[in-house]
Amino acid sequence: MVVDIEAFKVFIKGKKKPANTINSYMRSLEFYADFLRSNQQVGSPDEAGPTNVKAFVTWGTAKGENVYRHFWAIRMYYEFKELATMVNTVQEWMEYLQNETRKLGEFPKVDKDSVKKLSVVGLKTVNQFLKAANTPAKLAAITDQSGATREAVLELFKLSQLSRLPGLKKVRGRLFYEAGLDTLESIAALEPEDIHSILKDFVERSGFEASVPTTDEAEVAVRMARFMPANLAD
């Protein structure tokens, strides 16, 4: 593995990670590097691209590996190397993997009857729903087929889209939604300072019980909203 191990360890220590976490991260990085060499004919993580990351997800999932756990180390490695596209790619996959098992009913304050109706037509998880509803026509067809209300289906779709962003899975996703930042496009169009200000004002006006994202946290949301495709592929 063509990696400056000691420099990377220093970088991880700078993130205040304990020794056992550092050791775990090194094992995960070696596992990823072995995959790249053996399965992708890629000499090191530095030479990999987004398609190699996707291949790692497919391969690791088929083997029963906890790919999400490995990604913590891989993402940090790409942060260390300042490879922004790879950091974003890994982060996107981390959110995707969480949404593979996340149930639609886990979103706060959603219409449970509509959640049940979507479940009957086979749409139980966030990813199942987003893949099936990745065009306006498909979203309308799901509404008709399921018998769920149009308003509830659209709300669930927007919350599901927001959950593709880091940290916007439950209460904070609901905060963005109710403050009017309910699409990836609306978030991508703003600067982190604007996001922080809008949410702070909304919490103060409405009494919504949630912590307001810091400017740094908002920066991650904006960066990923600008990076990701608008919809999940089928």
Protein backbone atom coordinates (compact mmCIF):
# COMPACT_ATOMS: atom_id res chain seq x y z
CA MET A 1 0.00 0.00 0.00
CA VAL A 2 1.62 3.26 -1.15
CA VAL A 3 0.57 5.34 1.85
CA ASP A 4 2.52 7.45 4.30
CA ILE A 5 1.29 5.46 7.30
CA GLU A 6 2.98 7.53 9.98
CA ALA A 7 1.75 10.83 8.57
CA PHE A 8 -1.78 9.45 8.35
CA LYS A 9 -1.60 8.26 11.96
CA VAL A 10 -0.54 11.74 13.03
CA PHE A 11 -3.50 13.15 11.10
CA ILE A 12 -5.93 10.77 12.85
CA LYS A 13 -4.44 11.60 16.25
CA GLY A 14 -5.07 15.24 15.45
CA LYS A 15 -8.76 14.34 15.21
CA LYS A 16 -8.57 13.18 18.87
CA LYS A 17 -9.14 9.53 17.99
CA PRO A 18 -8.07 6.93 20.60
CA ALA A 19 -5.46 4.26 19.90
CA ASN A 20 -7.98 1.46 19.28
CA THR A 21 -9.78 3.60 16.71
CA ILE A 22 -6.51 4.42 14.97
CA ASN A 23 -5.65 0.71 14.76
CA SER A 24 -9.12 -0.07 13.41
CA TYR A 25 -8.80 2.66 10.80
CA MET A 26 -5.46 1.32 9.64
CA ARG A 27 -6.92 -2.18 9.22
CA SER A 28 -9.84 -0.80 7.22
CA LEU A 29 -7.54 1.20 4.97
CA GLU A 30 -5.39 -1.87 4.34
CA PHE A 31 -8.53 -3.90 3.56
CA TYR A 32 -9.62 -1.26 1.02
CA ALA A 33 -6.15 -1.08 -0.52
CA ASP A 34 -6.04 -4.88 -0.87
CA PHE A 35 -9.40 -4.79 -2.65
CA LEU A 36 -8.18 -2.12 -5.05
CA ARG A 37 -5.06 -4.08 -5.92
CA SER A 38 -6.70 -7.51 -6.17
CA ASN A 39 -10.06 -6.64 -7.71
CA GLN A 40 -9.58 -3.33 -9.50
CA GLN A 41 -5.93 -3.41 -10.56
CA VAL A 42 -5.46 -0.07 -8.82
CA GLY A 43 -2.14 0.35 -7.08
CA SER A 44 -3.20 2.46 -4.10
CA PRO A 45 -6.16 4.42 -2.65
CA ASP A 46 -4.61 7.58 -4.09
CA GLU A 47 -5.14 6.25 -7.60
CA ALA A 48 -8.76 5.16 -7.10
CA GLY A 49 -11.81 6.97 -8.45
CA PRO A 50 -15.55 7.05 -7.74
CA THR A 51 -16.21 3.92 -9.82
CA ASN A 52 -13.75 1.99 -7.64
CA VAL A 53 -15.59 3.14 -4.52
CA LYS A 54 -18.87 1.92 -6.01
CA ALA A 55 -17.24 -1.41 -6.84
CA PHE A 56 -16.02 -1.67 -3.25
CA VAL A 57 -19.58 -1.21 -1.99
CA THR A 58 -20.93 -3.89 -4.33
CA TRP A 59 -18.13 -6.35 -3.58
CA GLY A 60 -18.08 -5.76 0.17
CA THR A 61 -21.84 -5.98 0.54
CA ALA A 62 -21.90 -9.27 -1.37
CA LYS A 63 -19.22 -10.63 0.99
CA GLY A 64 -21.15 -9.54 4.08
CA GLU A 65 -18.57 -6.90 5.01
CA ASN A 66 -19.54 -3.87 7.07
CA VAL A 67 -18.64 -1.44 4.31
CA TYR A 68 -20.03 1.51 6.26
CA ARG A 69 -17.57 0.87 9.09
CA HIS A 70 -14.64 0.72 6.66
CA PHE A 71 -15.76 3.99 5.10
CA TRP A 72 -15.02 5.96 8.28
CA ALA A 73 -11.33 5.26 7.75
CA ILE A 74 -11.43 5.62 3.98
CA ARG A 75 -13.17 8.99 4.15
CA MET A 76 -10.64 10.24 6.68
CA TYR A 77 -7.79 9.04 4.49
CA TYR A 78 -9.11 11.06 1.57
CA GLU A 79 -9.49 14.06 3.88
CA PHE A 80 -5.83 13.56 4.82
CA LYS A 81 -4.87 13.49 1.14
CA GLU A 82 -7.14 16.47 0.38
CA LEU A 83 -8.90 14.58 -2.41
CA ALA A 84 -12.24 16.41 -2.27
CA THR A 85 -14.10 14.40 -4.89
CA MET A 86 -13.23 11.15 -3.13
CA VAL A 87 -14.21 12.55 0.27
CA ASN A 88 -17.60 13.50 -1.15
CA THR A 89 -18.00 10.19 -2.97
CA VAL A 90 -17.35 8.17 0.18
CA GLN A 91 -19.63 10.43 2.21
CA GLU A 92 -22.43 9.99 -0.33
CA TRP A 93 -22.11 6.22 -0.09
CA MET A 94 -22.08 6.35 3.71
CA GLU A 95 -25.44 8.13 3.71
CA TYR A 96 -26.75 5.73 1.07
CA LEU A 97 -25.84 2.70 3.14
CA GLN A 98 -27.62 4.11 6.18
CA ASN A 99 -30.73 4.69 4.09
CA GLU A 100 -30.75 1.11 2.83
CA THR A 101 -32.33 0.04 6.13
CA ARG A 102 -33.86 3.31 7.35
CA LYS A 103 -37.65 2.98 7.48
CA LEU A 104 -39.90 5.77 6.21
CA GLY A 105 -41.78 5.64 9.50
CA GLU A 106 -38.65 6.80 11.35
CA PHE A 107 -39.11 10.38 10.17
CA PRO A 108 -40.72 12.53 12.88
CA LYS A 109 -44.32 13.75 12.51
CA VAL A 110 -45.12 11.93 9.26
CA ASP A 111 -48.53 10.44 8.42
CA LYS A 112 -48.28 6.86 9.68
CA ASP A 113 -51.28 5.73 7.63
CA SER A 114 -49.55 6.82 4.42
CA VAL A 115 -46.34 5.10 5.57
CA LYS A 116 -48.33 1.86 5.96
CA LYS A 117 -49.89 2.26 2.52
CA LEU A 118 -46.49 2.73 0.92
CA SER A 119 -45.24 -0.33 2.77
CA VAL A 120 -48.04 -2.42 1.25
CA VAL A 121 -46.76 -1.60 -2.25
CA GLY A 122 -43.22 -2.57 -1.25
CA LEU A 123 -41.81 0.84 -0.33
CA LYS A 124 -40.56 0.49 3.24
CA THR A 125 -37.09 1.99 3.30
CA VAL A 126 -35.79 5.38 2.22
CA ASN A 127 -33.77 3.98 -0.68
CA GLN A 128 -36.64 1.83 -1.94
CA PHE A 129 -38.83 4.92 -2.02
CA LEU A 130 -36.27 7.26 -3.60
CA LYS A 131 -35.41 4.81 -6.36
CA ALA A 132 -39.07 4.17 -7.16
CA ALA A 133 -39.95 7.88 -7.09
CA ASN A 134 -37.00 9.37 -8.98
CA THR A 135 -39.16 11.25 -11.50
CA PRO A 136 -42.31 13.35 -10.95
CA ALA A 137 -44.32 10.87 -13.03
CA LYS A 138 -43.18 7.94 -10.89
CA LEU A 139 -43.95 9.87 -7.70
CA ALA A 140 -47.47 10.57 -8.96
CA ALA A 141 -47.93 6.91 -9.92
CA ILE A 142 -46.86 5.80 -6.43
CA THR A 143 -49.46 8.12 -4.92
CA ASP A 144 -52.19 6.62 -7.11
CA GLN A 145 -51.07 3.03 -6.59
CA SER A 146 -50.66 3.23 -2.83
CA GLY A 147 -53.71 5.30 -1.96
CA ALA A 148 -51.59 7.50 0.29
CA THR A 149 -52.35 11.21 0.21
CA ARG A 150 -50.47 13.39 -2.25
CA GLU A 151 -49.36 15.69 0.55
CA ALA A 152 -47.99 12.85 2.68
CA VAL A 153 -46.15 11.24 -0.24
CA LEU A 154 -44.52 14.53 -1.23
CA GLU A 155 -43.53 15.20 2.39
CA LEU A 156 -41.98 11.75 2.73
CA PHE A 157 -40.16 12.23 -0.56
CA LYS A 158 -38.65 15.54 0.55
CA LEU A 159 -37.63 14.16 3.95
CA SER A 160 -36.09 11.15 2.22
CA GLN A 161 -34.13 13.40 -0.12
CA LEU A 162 -32.89 15.48 2.82
CA SER A 163 -31.77 12.30 4.58
CA ARG A 164 -29.18 11.82 1.83
CA LEU A 165 -27.26 14.67 3.45
CA PRO A 166 -25.04 14.05 6.50
CA GLY A 167 -26.81 14.63 9.80
CA LEU A 168 -30.29 15.23 8.35
CA LYS A 169 -31.94 11.94 9.24
CA LYS A 170 -34.53 12.69 11.91
CA VAL A 171 -35.09 15.85 13.98
CA ARG A 172 -32.60 17.96 12.06
CA GLY A 173 -34.05 16.83 8.75
CA ARG A 174 -37.44 17.89 10.04
CA LEU A 175 -35.97 21.25 11.03
CA PHE A 176 -34.69 21.88 7.51
CA TYR A 177 -38.04 20.80 6.07
CA GLU A 178 -40.19 23.02 8.26
CA ALA A 179 -37.86 25.99 7.80
CA GLY A 180 -38.45 25.77 4.04
CA LEU A 181 -35.08 24.22 3.17
CA ASP A 182 -36.91 21.16 1.91
CA THR A 183 -35.02 20.28 -1.28
CA LEU A 184 -31.41 19.63 -2.19
CA GLU A 185 -31.67 22.45 -4.71
CA SER A 186 -32.74 25.00 -2.10
CA ILE A 187 -29.79 24.03 0.12
CA ALA A 188 -27.27 23.95 -2.74
CA ALA A 189 -28.29 27.47 -3.79
CA LEU A 190 -27.28 29.00 -0.43
CA GLU A 191 -24.07 29.59 1.45
CA PRO A 192 -23.46 27.91 4.84
CA GLU A 193 -23.85 31.24 6.66
CA ASP A 194 -27.27 31.67 5.04
CA ILE A 195 -28.34 28.17 6.12
CA HIS A 196 -27.27 28.82 9.70
CA SER A 197 -29.06 32.18 9.80
CA ILE A 198 -32.32 30.84 8.31
CA LEU A 199 -32.46 27.92 10.73
CA LYS A 200 -31.51 30.05 13.73
CA ASP A 201 -34.25 32.56 12.93
CA PHE A 202 -36.78 29.77 12.40
CA VAL A 203 -36.00 28.10 15.74
CA GLU A 204 -36.27 31.42 17.56
CA ARG A 205 -39.58 32.29 15.88
CA SER A 206 -41.24 28.88 16.02
CA GLY A 207 -39.85 27.36 19.21
CA PHE A 208 -38.87 24.26 17.22
CA GLU A 209 -36.92 22.01 19.58
CA ALA A 210 -33.65 21.26 17.83
CA SER A 211 -30.07 22.44 17.89
CA VAL A 212 -29.20 24.78 15.05
CA PRO A 213 -26.41 23.44 12.83
CA THR A 214 -23.14 25.26 13.11
CA THR A 215 -21.75 27.01 10.06
CA ASP A 216 -19.30 24.11 9.65
CA GLU A 217 -22.16 21.58 9.73
CA ALA A 218 -24.12 23.68 7.26
CA GLU A 219 -21.05 23.77 5.01
CA VAL A 220 -21.11 19.96 4.80
CA ALA A 221 -24.81 19.99 3.88
CA VAL A 222 -24.26 22.62 1.18
CA ARG A 223 -21.19 20.86 -0.19
CA MET A 224 -22.95 17.51 -0.46
CA ALA A 225 -26.15 19.01 -1.87
CA ARG A 226 -24.05 20.54 -4.64
CA PHE A 227 -22.13 17.33 -5.24
CA MET A 228 -24.84 14.67 -5.33
CA PRO A 229 -27.11 13.89 -8.29
CA ALA A 230 -30.65 15.14 -7.85
CA ASN A 231 -32.15 11.65 -7.64
CA LEU A 232 -31.15 8.06 -6.95
CA ALA A 233 -30.95 5.78 -9.96
CA ASP A 234 -33.37 2.85 -10.21
